Protein backbone atom coordinates (compact mmCIF):
# COMPACT_ATOMS: atom_id res chain seq x y z
CA UNK A 1 21.44 211.54 140.49
CA UNK A 2 20.45 208.02 139.22
CA UNK A 3 16.90 206.37 139.45
CA UNK A 4 15.24 203.22 138.16
CA UNK A 5 13.70 203.36 134.72
CA UNK A 6 10.01 202.85 134.65
CA UNK A 7 9.79 202.37 130.97
CA UNK A 8 11.89 200.74 128.06
CA UNK A 9 13.91 203.17 126.03
CA UNK A 10 17.31 203.89 124.18
CA UNK A 11 20.39 205.14 125.99
CA UNK A 12 21.71 208.49 124.46
CA UNK A 13 25.26 207.48 125.19
CA UNK A 14 25.68 203.91 124.11
CA UNK A 15 22.62 203.73 121.94
CA UNK A 16 21.77 200.37 123.70
CA UNK A 17 18.43 199.36 125.09
CA UNK A 18 17.25 200.80 128.55
CA UNK A 19 15.07 198.26 130.20
CA UNK A 20 12.55 199.02 133.12
CA UNK A 21 14.38 198.55 136.36
CA UNK A 22 17.76 199.51 135.28
CA UNK A 23 19.48 202.56 136.90
CA UNK A 24 19.52 205.58 134.47
CA UNK A 25 20.30 209.22 134.80
CA UNK A 26 18.97 212.31 132.58
CA UNK A 27 15.81 214.11 132.10
CA UNK A 28 13.25 215.01 129.43
CA UNK A 29 13.65 212.19 126.91
CA UNK A 30 17.38 212.32 127.30
CA UNK A 31 18.11 209.31 129.48
CA UNK A 32 21.24 207.32 129.62
CA UNK A 33 22.39 204.16 131.61
CA UNK A 34 23.97 205.13 135.02
CA UNK A 35 26.70 202.71 133.84
CA UNK A 36 26.51 201.61 130.21
CA UNK A 37 26.90 197.82 129.69
CA UNK A 38 30.06 196.56 127.96
CA UNK A 39 29.94 194.99 124.67
CA UNK A 40 30.34 191.57 126.35
CA UNK A 41 27.17 192.15 128.42
CA UNK A 42 25.02 193.07 125.54
CA UNK A 43 25.79 190.38 122.97
CA UNK A 44 23.48 187.38 122.05
CA UNK A 45 23.31 184.85 124.78
CA UNK A 46 24.06 182.04 122.33
CA UNK A 47 26.79 183.36 120.04
CA UNK A 48 27.78 186.87 121.32
CA UNK A 49 26.82 188.70 117.96
CA UNK A 50 24.89 191.94 118.33
CA UNK A 51 21.28 191.49 119.61
CA UNK A 52 18.25 192.30 117.59
CA UNK A 53 14.56 192.71 118.57
CA UNK A 54 12.92 189.23 117.85
CA UNK A 55 9.15 189.42 117.85
CA UNK A 56 7.67 185.95 118.24
CA UNK A 57 4.00 185.06 117.77
CA UNK A 58 2.55 183.45 121.11
CA UNK A 59 -0.01 181.51 119.22
CA UNK A 60 2.27 179.91 116.64
CA UNK A 61 4.87 179.10 119.32
CA UNK A 62 2.83 177.68 122.07
CA UNK A 63 5.21 174.73 122.39
CA UNK A 64 7.93 176.89 123.76
CA UNK A 65 5.72 179.18 125.87
CA UNK A 66 7.68 178.79 129.13
CA UNK A 67 11.08 179.72 127.31
CA UNK A 68 9.23 182.79 125.73
CA UNK A 69 7.63 183.90 129.04
CA UNK A 70 11.08 183.72 130.76
CA UNK A 71 12.94 185.82 127.99
CA UNK A 72 10.18 188.31 127.17
CA UNK A 73 11.10 191.89 127.73
CA UNK A 74 7.49 193.20 127.27
CA UNK A 75 6.14 195.42 124.54
CA UNK A 76 8.21 198.40 123.48
CA UNK A 77 6.68 201.97 123.39
CA UNK A 78 4.46 202.24 120.33
CA UNK A 79 3.81 198.32 120.09
CA UNK A 80 0.23 197.58 119.12
CA UNK A 81 0.37 193.76 119.45
CA UNK A 82 -2.01 193.58 122.29
CA UNK A 83 0.17 190.98 124.09
CA UNK A 84 -0.12 188.60 121.05
CA UNK A 85 3.75 188.62 120.54
CA UNK A 86 6.61 187.87 122.88
CA UNK A 87 9.45 190.62 122.64
CA UNK A 88 13.10 188.93 122.83
CA UNK A 89 15.93 191.20 122.95
CA UNK A 90 18.80 188.89 124.00
CA UNK A 91 19.36 187.02 120.72
CA UNK A 92 20.78 188.03 117.31
CA UNK A 93 18.52 185.85 115.12
CA UNK A 94 15.65 183.31 115.00
CA UNK A 95 18.18 180.51 114.78
CA UNK A 96 19.70 181.56 118.07
CA UNK A 97 16.31 181.77 119.65
CA UNK A 98 15.52 178.28 118.49
CA UNK A 99 18.87 176.87 119.79
CA UNK A 100 18.45 178.62 123.05
CA UNK A 101 14.77 177.20 123.24
CA UNK A 102 16.04 173.72 122.70
CA UNK A 103 18.79 174.18 125.27
CA UNK A 104 16.37 175.73 127.83
CA UNK A 105 13.86 172.62 127.47
CA UNK A 106 16.87 170.24 127.96
CA UNK A 107 18.02 171.89 131.04
CA UNK A 108 14.48 171.74 132.38
CA UNK A 109 14.15 168.16 131.63
CA UNK A 110 17.52 167.35 133.15
CA UNK A 111 16.51 169.26 136.29
CA UNK A 112 13.31 167.39 136.84
CA UNK A 113 14.84 163.86 136.19
CA UNK A 114 17.37 164.51 139.08
CA UNK A 115 14.68 165.30 141.62
């Protein structure tokens, strides 16, 4: 029987991240995706490479706050940053994060100009 995850974790089948709200199955710290995502669904949003956890300081990167808020996955278990960092998990590198932020800002500007 599947149910929605309440907390972030790691799938015991595919070893990929489990995000709150995803449907999972299992019990007692042995949870798995109900349907594990394919490799194409888990790659970097910019280049398709394997994603890595990117921790971005909120104070140092206030200029891209709207991007960071939209892509933040929340603190993983055991994090003690007290909300001072954004946790991005959809990119493989800082370079891809920066490229995505530029693209995101351009899309916002293009969208507001057409209104």
